[in-house]
C-alpha atoms as a PDB file:
ATOM      1  CA  MET A   1       0.000   0.000   0.000  1.00  0.00           C
ATOM      2  CA  PRO A   2       1.271   3.489  -0.748  1.00  0.00           C
ATOM      3  CA  ASP A   3       3.246   5.431   1.793  1.00  0.00           C
ATOM      4  CA  SER A   4       2.937   9.174   2.076  1.00  0.00           C
ATOM      5  CA  ALA A   5       5.609  11.434   0.638  1.00  0.00           C
ATOM      6  CA  GLY A   6       8.015  13.202   2.933  1.00  0.00           C
ATOM      7  CA  THR A   7      10.694  12.135   5.420  1.00  0.00           C
ATOM      8  CA  GLY A   8      12.759  13.818   8.101  1.00  0.00           C
ATOM      9  CA  PRO A   9      11.614  16.692  10.320  1.00  0.00           C
ATOM     10  CA  GLY A  10       8.048  17.617   9.628  1.00  0.00           C
ATOM     11  CA  PRO A  11       7.035  21.003   8.200  1.00  0.00           C
ATOM     12  CA  GLY A  12       5.125  23.575  10.232  1.00  0.00           C
ATOM     13  CA  ALA A  13       1.864  25.394   9.638  1.00  0.00           C
ATOM     14  CA  ALA A  14       3.629  28.226   7.797  1.00  0.00           C
ATOM     15  CA  ASP A  15       4.812  25.701   5.201  1.00  0.00           C
ATOM     16  CA  PHE A  16       1.190  25.249   4.119  1.00  0.00           C
ATOM     17  CA  ASP A  17       0.471  28.909   3.439  1.00  0.00           C
ATOM     18  CA  PHE A  18      -0.076  30.257  -0.057  1.00  0.00           C
ATOM     19  CA  HIS A  19      -1.361  33.406  -1.682  1.00  0.00           C
ATOM     20  CA  LEU A  20      -4.878  33.237  -3.076  1.00  0.00           C
ATOM     21  CA  PRO A  21      -6.412  36.248  -4.822  1.00  0.00           C
ATOM     22  CA  PRO A  22      -9.882  36.954  -3.386  1.00  0.00           C
ATOM     23  CA  ASP A  23     -11.514  36.570  -6.795  1.00  0.00           C
ATOM     24  CA  ARG A  24     -10.505  32.886  -6.827  1.00  0.00           C
ATOM     25  CA  ILE A  25     -12.820  32.111  -3.893  1.00  0.00           C
ATOM     26  CA  ALA A  26     -16.059  30.545  -5.150  1.00  0.00           C
ATOM     27  CA  LEU A  27     -19.214  32.040  -3.657  1.00  0.00           C
ATOM     28  CA  ARG A  28     -21.548  29.845  -5.716  1.00  0.00           C
ATOM     29  CA  PRO A  29     -21.018  26.467  -7.376  1.00  0.00           C
ATOM     30  CA  THR A  30     -20.963  25.939 -11.120  1.00  0.00           C
ATOM     31  CA  ALA A  31     -24.386  25.758 -12.777  1.00  0.00           C
ATOM     32  CA  ALA A  32     -23.926  22.012 -13.327  1.00  0.00           C
ATOM     33  CA  ARG A  33     -22.323  20.068 -10.488  1.00  0.00           C
ATOM     34  CA  ASP A  34     -20.106  18.045 -12.814  1.00  0.00           C
ATOM     35  CA  GLY A  35     -19.245  21.167 -14.831  1.00  0.00           C
ATOM     36  CA  ALA A  36     -16.584  22.093 -12.284  1.00  0.00           C
ATOM     37  CA  ARG A  37     -12.993  21.885 -13.431  1.00  0.00           C
ATOM     38  CA  LEU A  38     -10.841  18.920 -12.388  1.00  0.00           C
ATOM     39  CA  LEU A  39      -7.089  19.263 -11.971  1.00  0.00           C
ATOM     40  CA  CYS A  40      -5.499  15.817 -12.222  1.00  0.00           C
ATOM     41  CA  LEU A  41      -2.219  15.442 -10.322  1.00  0.00           C
ATOM     42  CA  ASP A  42       0.168  12.515 -10.652  1.00  0.00           C
ATOM     43  CA  ARG A  43       1.430  12.019  -7.106  1.00  0.00           C
ATOM     44  CA  ARG A  44       4.644  10.373  -8.293  1.00  0.00           C
ATOM     45  CA  THR A  45       5.766  12.823 -10.977  1.00  0.00           C
ATOM     46  CA  GLY A  46       3.848  16.003 -10.169  1.00  0.00           C
ATOM     47  CA  ALA A  47       2.464  16.117 -13.716  1.00  0.00           C
ATOM     48  CA  VAL A  48      -0.780  18.070 -14.058  1.00  0.00           C
ATOM     49  CA  ALA A  49      -3.667  17.691 -16.522  1.00  0.00           C
ATOM     50  CA  HIS A  50      -6.689  19.982 -16.796  1.00  0.00           C
ATOM     51  CA  LYS A  51     -10.049  18.263 -17.159  1.00  0.00           C
ATOM     52  CA  THR A  52     -13.705  18.673 -16.180  1.00  0.00           C
ATOM     53  CA  PHE A  53     -15.335  16.758 -13.327  1.00  0.00           C
ATOM     54  CA  SER A  54     -17.558  14.947 -15.826  1.00  0.00           C
ATOM     55  CA  ASP A  55     -14.306  13.343 -17.061  1.00  0.00           C
ATOM     56  CA  LEU A  56     -13.770  11.596 -13.701  1.00  0.00           C
ATOM     57  CA  PRO A  57     -15.057   8.170 -14.829  1.00  0.00           C
ATOM     58  CA  GLU A  58     -12.534   8.156 -17.687  1.00  0.00           C
ATOM     59  CA  ARG A  59      -9.676   8.975 -15.306  1.00  0.00           C
ATOM     60  CA  LEU A  60     -10.433   5.920 -13.185  1.00  0.00           C
ATOM     61  CA  SER A  61      -9.953   2.318 -14.279  1.00  0.00           C
ATOM     62  CA  PRO A  62     -12.323  -0.656 -14.331  1.00  0.00           C
ATOM     63  CA  GLY A  63     -11.894  -2.433 -11.031  1.00  0.00           C
ATOM     64  CA  ASP A  64     -11.237   0.748  -9.042  1.00  0.00           C
ATOM     65  CA  LEU A  65     -13.500   1.624  -6.111  1.00  0.00           C
ATOM     66  CA  LEU A  66     -14.783   5.134  -5.336  1.00  0.00           C
ATOM     67  CA  VAL A  67     -15.837   5.599  -1.716  1.00  0.00           C
ATOM     68  CA  LEU A  68     -18.383   8.342  -0.913  1.00  0.00           C
ATOM     69  CA  ASN A  69     -19.413  10.052   2.335  1.00  0.00           C
ATOM     70  CA  ASP A  70     -23.213   9.917   2.519  1.00  0.00           C
ATOM     71  CA  THR A  71     -23.613  12.310   5.464  1.00  0.00           C
ATOM     72  CA  ARG A  72     -26.339  14.940   5.210  1.00  0.00           C
ATOM     73  CA  VAL A  73     -25.809  18.570   6.233  1.00  0.00           C
ATOM     74  CA  PHE A  74     -28.508  19.990   8.494  1.00  0.00           C
ATOM     75  CA  PRO A  75     -29.310  23.733   8.866  1.00  0.00           C
ATOM     76  CA  ALA A  76     -27.301  23.925  12.077  1.00  0.00           C
ATOM     77  CA  ARG A  77     -26.782  27.701  12.304  1.00  0.00           C
ATOM     78  CA  ILE A  78     -29.360  29.826  14.101  1.00  0.00           C
ATOM     79  CA  HIS A  79     -29.546  33.149  15.929  1.00  0.00           C
ATOM     80  CA  GLY A  80     -31.063  33.736  19.313  1.00  0.00           C
ATOM     81  CA  THR A  81     -31.733  36.369  21.947  1.00  0.00           C
ATOM     82  CA  LYS A  82     -30.421  36.183  25.515  1.00  0.00           C
ATOM     83  CA  ALA A  83     -33.359  36.492  27.912  1.00  0.00           C
ATOM     84  CA  ARG A  84     -31.147  38.187  30.515  1.00  0.00           C
ATOM     85  CA  THR A  85     -29.860  41.078  28.397  1.00  0.00           C
ATOM     86  CA  GLY A  86     -31.626  41.023  25.031  1.00  0.00           C
ATOM     87  CA  GLY A  87     -28.243  40.574  23.333  1.00  0.00           C
ATOM     88  CA  ARG A  88     -28.065  38.555  20.139  1.00  0.00           C
ATOM     89  CA  VAL A  89     -25.927  35.451  19.690  1.00  0.00           C
ATOM     90  CA  GLU A  90     -25.265  33.077  16.821  1.00  0.00           C
ATOM     91  CA  LEU A  91     -25.073  29.354  17.485  1.00  0.00           C
ATOM     92  CA  LEU A  92     -23.805  26.520  15.328  1.00  0.00           C
ATOM     93  CA  PHE A  93     -25.226  23.337  16.849  1.00  0.00           C
ATOM     94  CA  LEU A  94     -22.786  20.478  16.344  1.00  0.00           C
ATOM     95  CA  GLU A  95     -24.153  17.308  17.923  1.00  0.00           C
ATOM     96  CA  GLU A  96     -26.340  15.988  20.692  1.00  0.00           C
ATOM     97  CA  ASP A  97     -24.757  14.221  23.647  1.00  0.00           C
ATOM     98  CA  GLU A  98     -25.778  10.572  23.226  1.00  0.00           C
ATOM     99  CA  ALA A  99     -25.542  10.057  26.984  1.00  0.00           C
ATOM    100  CA  ALA A 100     -27.636  13.143  27.811  1.00  0.00           C
ATOM    101  CA  PRO A 101     -30.516  13.646  25.359  1.00  0.00           C
ATOM    102  CA  GLY A 102     -31.366  17.301  24.916  1.00  0.00           C
ATOM    103  CA  ALA A 103     -27.807  18.475  25.658  1.00  0.00           C
ATOM    104  CA  TRP A 104     -26.197  19.908  22.548  1.00  0.00           C
ATOM    105  CA  ARG A 105     -22.640  21.050  21.929  1.00  0.00           C
ATOM    106  CA  ALA A 106     -22.464  24.266  19.932  1.00  0.00           C
ATOM    107  CA  MET A 107     -20.050  26.873  18.670  1.00  0.00           C
ATOM    108  CA  ALA A 108     -21.102  30.329  19.798  1.00  0.00           C
ATOM    109  CA  ARG A 109     -20.569  33.840  18.495  1.00  0.00           C
ATOM    110  CA  GLY A 110     -21.428  36.312  21.194  1.00  0.00           C
ATOM    111  CA  THR A 111     -20.922  36.306  24.941  1.00  0.00           C
ATOM    112  CA  LEU A 112     -22.546  33.483  26.883  1.00  0.00           C
ATOM    113  CA  ARG A 113     -22.219  32.398  30.502  1.00  0.00           C
ATOM    114  CA  ASP A 114     -23.386  29.459  32.555  1.00  0.00           C
ATOM    115  CA  GLY A 115     -27.143  29.568  33.099  1.00  0.00           C
ATOM    116  CA  ASP A 116     -27.969  31.977  30.279  1.00  0.00           C
ATOM    117  CA  VAL A 117     -31.330  31.318  28.650  1.00  0.00           C
ATOM    118  CA  VAL A 118     -31.346  31.825  24.891  1.00  0.00           C
ATOM    119  CA  VAL A 119     -34.580  32.134  22.927  1.00  0.00           C
ATOM    120  CA  LEU A 120     -33.767  30.790  19.490  1.00  0.00           C
ATOM    121  CA  ASP A 121     -35.332  32.387  16.426  1.00  0.00           C
ATOM    122  CA  GLY A 122     -38.670  30.642  16.056  1.00  0.00           C
ATOM    123  CA  GLY A 123     -39.250  30.445  19.811  1.00  0.00           C
ATOM    124  CA  LEU A 124     -37.414  27.359  21.087  1.00  0.00           C
ATOM    125  CA  THR A 125     -35.536  27.867  24.379  1.00  0.00           C
ATOM    126  CA  ALA A 126     -31.985  26.697  25.170  1.00  0.00           C
ATOM    127  CA  THR A 127     -30.115  27.045  28.465  1.00  0.00           C
ATOM    128  CA  VAL A 128     -26.324  27.210  28.740  1.00  0.00           C
ATOM    129  CA  ALA A 129     -25.162  24.281  30.901  1.00  0.00           C
ATOM    130  CA  GLY A 130     -21.684  24.938  32.218  1.00  0.00           C
ATOM    131  CA  PRO A 131     -19.105  27.649  31.516  1.00  0.00           C
ATOM    132  CA  PRO A 132     -18.412  28.096  27.788  1.00  0.00           C
ATOM    133  CA  ALA A 133     -14.782  27.649  26.740  1.00  0.00           C
ATOM    134  CA  ASP A 134     -12.821  28.449  23.566  1.00  0.00           C
ATOM    135  CA  GLY A 135     -15.967  29.419  21.669  1.00  0.00           C
ATOM    136  CA  PHE A 136     -17.826  26.193  22.527  1.00  0.00           C
ATOM    137  CA  ALA A 137     -20.815  25.770  24.839  1.00  0.00           C
ATOM    138  CA  THR A 138     -23.208  23.055  25.937  1.00  0.00           C
ATOM    139  CA  LEU A 139     -26.898  23.987  25.812  1.00  0.00           C
ATOM    140  CA  ARG A 140     -29.888  22.076  27.105  1.00  0.00           C
ATOM    141  CA  VAL A 141     -32.721  22.432  24.631  1.00  0.00           C
ATOM    142  CA  ALA A 142     -36.370  22.177  25.637  1.00  0.00           C
ATOM    143  CA  GLY A 143     -37.909  20.485  22.628  1.00  0.00           C
ATOM    144  CA  ASP A 144     -37.115  19.025  19.210  1.00  0.00           C
ATOM    145  CA  LEU A 145     -34.032  20.981  18.137  1.00  0.00           C
ATOM    146  CA  ARG A 146     -33.494  19.097  14.880  1.00  0.00           C
ATOM    147  CA  GLY A 147     -37.027  19.774  13.735  1.00  0.00           C
ATOM    148  CA  HIS A 148     -36.757  23.398  14.834  1.00  0.00           C
ATOM    149  CA  LEU A 149     -33.526  23.872  12.890  1.00  0.00           C
ATOM    150  CA  GLU A 150     -35.043  22.347   9.761  1.00  0.00           C
ATOM    151  CA  ARG A 151     -37.740  25.039   9.947  1.00  0.00           C
ATOM    152  CA  HIS A 152     -35.793  28.040  11.277  1.00  0.00           C
ATOM    153  CA  GLY A 153     -32.091  27.263  10.933  1.00  0.00           C
ATOM    154  CA  HIS A 154     -29.660  28.385   8.264  1.00  0.00           C
ATOM    155  CA  VAL A 155     -27.348  26.462   5.960  1.00  0.00           C
ATOM    156  CA  PRO A 156     -23.948  26.475   7.723  1.00  0.00           C
ATOM    157  CA  LEU A 157     -22.005  28.070   4.890  1.00  0.00           C
ATOM    158  CA  PRO A 158     -18.304  28.651   5.562  1.00  0.00           C
ATOM    159  CA  PRO A 159     -17.545  32.081   7.087  1.00  0.00           C
ATOM    160  CA  TYR A 160     -15.618  33.284   4.028  1.00  0.00           C
ATOM    161  CA  ILE A 161     -18.894  33.238   2.055  1.00  0.00           C
ATOM    162  CA  ARG A 162     -20.030  36.633   3.250  1.00  0.00           C
ATOM    163  CA  ARG A 163     -23.652  36.554   2.186  1.00  0.00           C
ATOM    164  CA  PRO A 164     -26.853  35.176   3.706  1.00  0.00           C
ATOM    165  CA  ASP A 165     -27.738  31.612   2.813  1.00  0.00           C
ATOM    166  CA  ASP A 166     -30.775  31.061   0.605  1.00  0.00           C
ATOM    167  CA  GLU A 167     -32.929  28.290  -0.823  1.00  0.00           C
ATOM    168  CA  ARG A 168     -30.347  27.548  -3.520  1.00  0.00           C
ATOM    169  CA  ASP A 169     -27.830  26.727  -0.808  1.00  0.00           C
ATOM    170  CA  ARG A 170     -30.190  24.159   0.715  1.00  0.00           C
ATOM    171  CA  SER A 171     -29.707  22.152  -2.475  1.00  0.00           C
ATOM    172  CA  ASP A 172     -26.232  23.280  -3.569  1.00  0.00           C
ATOM    173  CA  TYR A 173     -24.583  22.568  -0.210  1.00  0.00           C
ATOM    174  CA  GLN A 174     -25.796  18.958  -0.170  1.00  0.00           C
ATOM    175  CA  THR A 175     -24.569  15.944  -2.116  1.00  0.00           C
ATOM    176  CA  VAL A 176     -27.054  14.096  -4.314  1.00  0.00           C
ATOM    177  CA  PHE A 177     -26.391  10.921  -2.298  1.00  0.00           C
ATOM    178  CA  ALA A 178     -26.758  12.467   1.196  1.00  0.00           C
ATOM    179  CA  ARG A 179     -28.589  10.109   3.544  1.00  0.00           C
ATOM    180  CA  ALA A 180     -27.525  10.261   7.217  1.00  0.00           C
ATOM    181  CA  THR A 181     -28.179  13.625   8.887  1.00  0.00           C
ATOM    182  CA  GLY A 182     -25.411  14.938  11.099  1.00  0.00           C
ATOM    183  CA  SER A 183     -22.915  17.257   9.363  1.00  0.00           C
ATOM    184  CA  VAL A 184     -22.420  20.971   9.898  1.00  0.00           C
ATOM    185  CA  ALA A 185     -20.254  21.301   6.783  1.00  0.00           C
ATOM    186  CA  ALA A 186     -20.535  19.563   3.445  1.00  0.00           C
ATOM    187  CA  PRO A 187     -18.142  16.836   2.296  1.00  0.00           C
ATOM    188  CA  THR A 188     -17.317  19.165  -0.550  1.00  0.00           C
ATOM    189  CA  ALA A 189     -15.635  16.787  -3.008  1.00  0.00           C
ATOM    190  CA  GLY A 190     -18.947  14.954  -3.229  1.00  0.00           C
ATOM    191  CA  LEU A 191     -20.814  18.115  -4.235  1.00  0.00           C
ATOM    192  CA  HIS A 192     -19.572  17.651  -7.820  1.00  0.00           C
ATOM    193  CA  VAL A 193     -21.005  14.148  -8.170  1.00  0.00           C
ATOM    194  CA  THR A 194     -24.280  13.792 -10.084  1.00  0.00           C
ATOM    195  CA  ASP A 195     -26.570  10.845 -10.683  1.00  0.00           C
ATOM    196  CA  GLY A 196     -25.070  10.803 -14.168  1.00  0.00           C
ATOM    197  CA  THR A 197     -21.572  10.584 -12.681  1.00  0.00           C
ATOM    198  CA  LEU A 198     -22.576   7.554 -10.624  1.00  0.00           C
ATOM    199  CA  LYS A 199     -24.109   5.833 -13.656  1.00  0.00           C
ATOM    200  CA  ALA A 200     -21.036   6.569 -15.782  1.00  0.00           C
ATOM    201  CA  LEU A 201     -18.731   5.175 -13.093  1.00  0.00           C
ATOM    202  CA  GLU A 202     -20.742   1.966 -12.894  1.00  0.00           C
ATOM    203  CA  ALA A 203     -20.774   1.672 -16.689  1.00  0.00           C
ATOM    204  CA  ARG A 204     -16.988   2.087 -16.627  1.00  0.00           C
ATOM    205  CA  GLY A 205     -16.680  -0.801 -14.178  1.00  0.00           C
ATOM    206  CA  VAL A 206     -15.744   1.377 -11.205  1.00  0.00           C
ATOM    207  CA  GLY A 207     -17.253   0.176  -7.951  1.00  0.00           C
ATOM    208  CA  LEU A 208     -19.087   2.470  -5.552  1.00  0.00           C
ATOM    209  CA  ALA A 209     -19.151   2.237  -1.784  1.00  0.00           C
ATOM    210  CA  ARG A 210     -20.383   4.480   1.000  1.00  0.00           C
ATOM    211  CA  LEU A 211     -19.540   5.369   4.553  1.00  0.00           C
ATOM    212  CA  THR A 212     -20.653   8.128   6.904  1.00  0.00           C
ATOM    213  CA  LEU A 213     -18.490  10.710   8.641  1.00  0.00           C
ATOM    214  CA  HIS A 214     -20.371  13.594  10.211  1.00  0.00           C
ATOM    215  CA  VAL A 215     -18.336  16.687   9.441  1.00  0.00           C
ATOM    216  CA  GLY A 216     -17.648  18.983  12.375  1.00  0.00           C
ATOM    217  CA  PRO A 217     -14.879  21.186  13.772  1.00  0.00           C
ATOM    218  CA  GLY A 218     -12.312  18.432  13.319  1.00  0.00           C
ATOM    219  CA  THR A 219     -12.521  19.020   9.582  1.00  0.00           C
ATOM    220  CA  PHE A 220     -13.005  22.764   9.247  1.00  0.00           C
ATOM    221  CA  LEU A 221     -11.138  24.453  12.128  1.00  0.00           C
ATOM    222  CA  PRO A 222      -7.796  25.957  10.998  1.00  0.00           C
ATOM    223  CA  LEU A 223      -4.350  25.128  12.284  1.00  0.00           C
ATOM    224  CA  ARG A 224      -3.763  27.146  15.434  1.00  0.00           C
ATOM    225  CA  ALA A 225      -0.373  25.742  16.441  1.00  0.00           C
ATOM    226  CA  GLU A 226       2.755  26.479  14.444  1.00  0.00           C
ATOM    227  CA  ARG A 227       4.056  22.941  14.898  1.00  0.00           C
ATOM    228  CA  LEU A 228       1.797  20.368  13.263  1.00  0.00           C
ATOM    229  CA  GLU A 229       2.343  17.899  16.080  1.00  0.00           C
ATOM    230  CA  ASP A 230       0.832  20.408  18.524  1.00  0.00           C
ATOM    231  CA  HIS A 231      -2.486  20.647  16.668  1.00  0.00           C
ATOM    232  CA  ARG A 232      -5.327  18.669  18.218  1.00  0.00           C
ATOM    233  CA  MET A 233      -8.246  17.594  16.056  1.00  0.00           C
ATOM    234  CA  HIS A 234     -11.807  17.588  17.380  1.00  0.00           C
ATOM    235  CA  ALA A 235     -13.269  14.091  17.212  1.00  0.00           C
ATOM    236  CA  GLU A 236     -15.847  13.314  14.537  1.00  0.00           C
ATOM    237  CA  ARG A 237     -18.220  10.352  14.401  1.00  0.00           C
ATOM    238  CA  TYR A 238     -18.082   7.864  11.544  1.00  0.00           C
ATOM    239  CA  ALA A 239     -19.652   4.560  10.535  1.00  0.00           C
ATOM    240  CA  ILE A 240     -18.386   2.068   7.984  1.00  0.00           C
ATOM    241  CA  PRO A 241     -20.873  -0.591   6.841  1.00  0.00           C
ATOM    242  CA  PRO A 242     -19.810  -4.219   6.268  1.00  0.00           C
ATOM    243  CA  ALA A 243     -20.572  -3.870   2.547  1.00  0.00           C
ATOM    244  CA  THR A 244     -17.906  -1.176   2.242  1.00  0.00           C
ATOM    245  CA  VAL A 245     -15.373  -3.291   4.131  1.00  0.00           C
ATOM    246  CA  ASP A 246     -16.094  -6.148   1.735  1.00  0.00           C
ATOM    247  CA  ALA A 247     -15.844  -3.872  -1.326  1.00  0.00           C
ATOM    248  CA  VAL A 248     -12.460  -2.505  -0.221  1.00  0.00           C
ATOM    249  CA  ALA A 249     -11.129  -6.017   0.423  1.00  0.00           C
ATOM    250  CA  ALA A 250     -12.378  -7.282  -2.953  1.00  0.00           C
ATOM    251  CA  THR A 251     -10.886  -4.283  -4.767  1.00  0.00           C
ATOM    252  CA  ARG A 252      -7.536  -4.824  -3.093  1.00  0.00           C
ATOM    253  CA  ALA A 253      -7.551  -8.561  -3.854  1.00  0.00           C
ATOM    254  CA  ALA A 254      -8.247  -7.858  -7.532  1.00  0.00           C
ATOM    255  CA  GLY A 255      -5.479  -5.238  -7.808  1.00  0.00           C
ATOM    256  CA  GLY A 256      -7.789  -2.217  -8.081  1.00  0.00           C
ATOM    257  CA  ARG A 257      -7.367   1.148  -6.423  1.00  0.00           C
ATOM    258  CA  VAL A 258      -9.379   2.517  -3.514  1.00  0.00           C
ATOM    259  CA  VAL A 259     -10.180   6.151  -4.312  1.00  0.00           C
ATOM    260  CA  ALA A 260     -11.541   8.356  -1.525  1.00  0.00           C
ATOM    261  CA  CYS A 261     -14.048  11.009  -2.570  1.00  0.00           C
ATOM    262  CA  GLY A 262     -12.954  13.628  -0.071  1.00  0.00           C
ATOM    263  CA  THR A 263     -10.707  14.122   2.909  1.00  0.00           C
ATOM    264  CA  THR A 264     -13.476  12.982   5.264  1.00  0.00           C
ATOM    265  CA  VAL A 265     -13.621   9.606   3.534  1.00  0.00           C
ATOM    266  CA  THR A 266      -9.833   9.415   3.737  1.00  0.00           C
ATOM    267  CA  ARG A 267      -9.831  10.049   7.487  1.00  0.00           C
ATOM    268  CA  ALA A 268     -12.599   7.527   8.121  1.00  0.00           C
ATOM    269  CA  LEU A 269     -10.898   4.790   6.096  1.00  0.00           C
ATOM    270  CA  GLU A 270      -7.469   5.402   7.568  1.00  0.00           C
ATOM    271  CA  SER A 271      -8.905   5.583  11.094  1.00  0.00           C
ATOM    272  CA  ALA A 272     -10.700   2.254  10.732  1.00  0.00           C
ATOM    273  CA  ALA A 273      -7.722   0.421   9.221  1.00  0.00           C
ATOM    274  CA  GLY A 274      -5.581  -1.985  11.173  1.00  0.00           C
ATOM    275  CA  PRO A 275      -1.787  -2.222  10.790  1.00  0.00           C
ATOM    276  CA  ASP A 276      -2.256  -4.604   7.858  1.00  0.00           C
ATOM    277  CA  GLY A 277      -4.733  -2.267   6.149  1.00  0.00           C
ATOM    278  CA  ALA A 278      -7.758  -4.428   6.896  1.00  0.00           C
ATOM    279  CA  LEU A 279     -10.849  -2.361   7.638  1.00  0.00           C
ATOM    280  CA  ALA A 280     -13.130  -2.866  10.591  1.00  0.00           C
ATOM    281  CA  ALA A 281     -16.851  -2.299  10.089  1.00  0.00           C
ATOM    282  CA  GLY A 282     -18.874  -0.376  12.620  1.00  0.00           C
ATOM    283  CA  ALA A 283     -19.182   3.019  14.261  1.00  0.00           C
ATOM    284  CA  GLY A 284     -16.488   5.027  15.957  1.00  0.00           C
ATOM    285  CA  SER A 285     -15.003   8.455  16.312  1.00  0.00           C
ATOM    286  CA  THR A 286     -11.740   9.810  14.988  1.00  0.00           C
ATOM    287  CA  ASP A 287      -9.427  12.650  15.879  1.00  0.00           C
ATOM    288  CA  LEU A 288      -6.797  11.447  13.408  1.00  0.00           C
ATOM    289  CA  PHE A 289      -4.692  14.287  11.989  1.00  0.00           C
ATOM    290  CA  ILE A 290      -3.153  13.025   8.751  1.00  0.00           C
ATOM    291  CA  ARG A 291       0.088  14.904   8.143  1.00  0.00           C
ATOM    292  CA  PRO A 292       3.371  14.236   6.323  1.00  0.00           C
ATOM    293  CA  GLY A 293       4.828  10.980   7.527  1.00  0.00           C
ATOM    294  CA  HIS A 294       1.462   9.199   7.693  1.00  0.00           C
ATOM    295  CA  ARG A 295       1.526   5.732   6.117  1.00  0.00           C
ATOM    296  CA  PHE A 296      -1.610   5.337   4.027  1.00  0.00           C
ATOM    297  CA  ARG A 297      -2.994   1.860   4.589  1.00  0.00           C
ATOM    298  CA  VAL A 298      -6.170   1.988   2.500  1.00  0.00           C
ATOM    299  CA  VAL A 299      -6.380   5.001   0.197  1.00  0.00           C
ATOM    300  CA  ASP A 300      -4.682   4.865  -3.223  1.00  0.00           C
ATOM    301  CA  GLY A 301      -6.347   7.893  -4.821  1.00  0.00           C
ATOM    302  CA  LEU A 302      -8.102  11.058  -3.709  1.00  0.00           C
ATOM    303  CA  VAL A 303     -10.782  13.344  -5.117  1.00  0.00           C
ATOM    304  CA  THR A 304     -10.779  16.635  -3.238  1.00  0.00           C
ATOM    305  CA  ASN A 305     -11.446  20.348  -3.519  1.00  0.00           C
ATOM    306  CA  PHE A 306      -8.875  23.143  -3.248  1.00  0.00           C
ATOM    307  CA  HIS A 307      -8.485  23.968   0.429  1.00  0.00           C
ATOM    308  CA  LEU A 308      -7.748  26.974   2.616  1.00  0.00           C
ATOM    309  CA  PRO A 309      -4.170  27.962   3.437  1.00  0.00           C
ATOM    310  CA  ARG A 310      -2.882  26.581   6.748  1.00  0.00           C
ATOM    311  CA  SER A 311      -5.726  24.071   6.971  1.00  0.00           C
ATOM    312  CA  THR A 312      -5.648  20.462   8.133  1.00  0.00           C
ATOM    313  CA  LEU A 313      -7.261  19.536   4.801  1.00  0.00           C
ATOM    314  CA  LEU A 314      -4.365  20.952   2.793  1.00  0.00           C
ATOM    315  CA  VAL A 315      -1.947  19.164   5.125  1.00  0.00           C
ATOM    316  CA  LEU A 316      -3.765  15.866   4.463  1.00  0.00           C
ATOM    317  CA  VAL A 317      -3.524  16.292   0.692  1.00  0.00           C
ATOM    318  CA  ALA A 318       0.179  17.153   1.044  1.00  0.00           C
ATOM    319  CA  ALA A 319       0.710  14.050   3.164  1.00  0.00           C
ATOM    320  CA  PHE A 320      -0.753  12.005   0.336  1.00  0.00           C
ATOM    321  CA  ALA A 321       0.970  13.622  -2.643  1.00  0.00           C
ATOM    322  CA  GLY A 322       3.918  15.587  -1.234  1.00  0.00           C
ATOM    323  CA  ARG A 323       3.905  19.184  -0.030  1.00  0.00           C
ATOM    324  CA  GLU A 324       5.947  20.683  -2.874  1.00  0.00           C
ATOM    325  CA  ARG A 325       3.947  18.884  -5.551  1.00  0.00           C
ATOM    326  CA  VAL A 326       0.642  19.956  -4.040  1.00  0.00           C
ATOM    327  CA  LEU A 327       1.647  23.590  -3.557  1.00  0.00           C
ATOM    328  CA  SER A 328       2.992  23.647  -7.118  1.00  0.00           C
ATOM    329  CA  ALA A 329      -0.338  22.283  -8.366  1.00  0.00           C
ATOM    330  CA  TYR A 330      -2.163  24.927  -6.315  1.00  0.00           C
ATOM    331  CA  ALA A 331      -0.022  27.655  -7.869  1.00  0.00           C
ATOM    332  CA  GLU A 332      -0.866  26.273 -11.311  1.00  0.00           C
ATOM    333  CA  ALA A 333      -4.562  26.232 -10.380  1.00  0.00           C
ATOM    334  CA  VAL A 334      -4.387  29.903  -9.352  1.00  0.00           C
ATOM    335  CA  ARG A 335      -2.678  30.812 -12.641  1.00  0.00           C
ATOM    336  CA  ALA A 336      -5.245  28.824 -14.620  1.00  0.00           C
ATOM    337  CA  GLY A 337      -8.217  30.490 -12.922  1.00  0.00           C
ATOM    338  CA  TYR A 338      -9.531  27.576 -10.886  1.00  0.00           C
ATOM    339  CA  ARG A 339     -12.136  28.352  -8.236  1.00  0.00           C
ATOM    340  CA  PHE A 340     -11.210  27.512  -4.645  1.00  0.00           C
ATOM    341  CA  PHE A 341     -12.791  26.198  -1.437  1.00  0.00           C
ATOM    342  CA  SER A 342     -16.165  24.567  -0.747  1.00  0.00           C
ATOM    343  CA  TYR A 343     -18.061  25.723  -3.841  1.00  0.00           C
ATOM    344  CA  GLY A 344     -14.944  25.627  -6.015  1.00  0.00           C
ATOM    345  CA  ASP A 345     -13.318  23.216  -8.451  1.00  0.00           C
ATOM    346  CA  ALA A 346     -11.849  19.797  -7.759  1.00  0.00           C
ATOM    347  CA  MET A 347      -8.594  17.896  -7.863  1.00  0.00           C
ATOM    348  CA  LEU A 348      -7.900  14.219  -8.550  1.00  0.00           C
ATOM    349  CA  VAL A 349      -4.684  12.755  -7.136  1.00  0.00           C
ATOM    350  CA  LEU A 350      -3.635   9.341  -8.442  1.00  0.00           C
END
């Protein structure tokens, strides 16, 4: 199985910085999902080819396996009013505590303290349970929060998209194969996949498999430590069904490649792999930070978007293909007018 590029002392966060002109940041997706551009990078040579995402089936080989993340984004962002002061706060609800139903972990913008009562837009009440720390708080919610958010919440667009969400985002910021509700950010590589893409892959003889990783702060929070080894990932929940374990094993046995559609799929597969690369089915959580030096046990290829500077996502891609090769490909993408970040274009690394 392929090892990651890079030996010796590891690079720091500053080694994953790059200049991106503001007009390269995509604020809307392409009109057709598979109309996005696709930069194809050879991880061994650094060679680059410019394609369109609809060309993906032709870039893969019969016998390969594409693994998708079928998580569904829910409208997790909502505003509220503090009953004590009348001040406004913004909350991004992340997940419910399985051991304490009704207790939700959230990211908060605005000042909160233990015991504050927040009246969410639409009327539902939430009470802060415990002192907030580092922008996170636990709130006890009196009622059906998920249902309330579906009616009154907002699509959790990334903060660099400085516009209100709208009905288009409810569709655009969701993959066509989304099934299991639980993410507060989209698995963005999958946003380019259409029903036609899936049919073309099957016609090509490429297998399809699914897993679930609910995207949270572990994926989207930036690097805050200069040394990569000092960065701590927030844990994210995942589940890998037995059918996917079987598909990966069969692909490997037949000499095919396992291609992850997205960094979230990569982290789930690598987290669930044993030392011999064998996958374990079932549910778990992962705080795995894939950085240069990681030995890839499962993933042979990667479909991914173009990521933010100094992000754990960019570090993961560099661990897979080599930092210099990836940054060179990014520079070429900037020169060629590719669109970056969640609603932007895609990259295929084989």
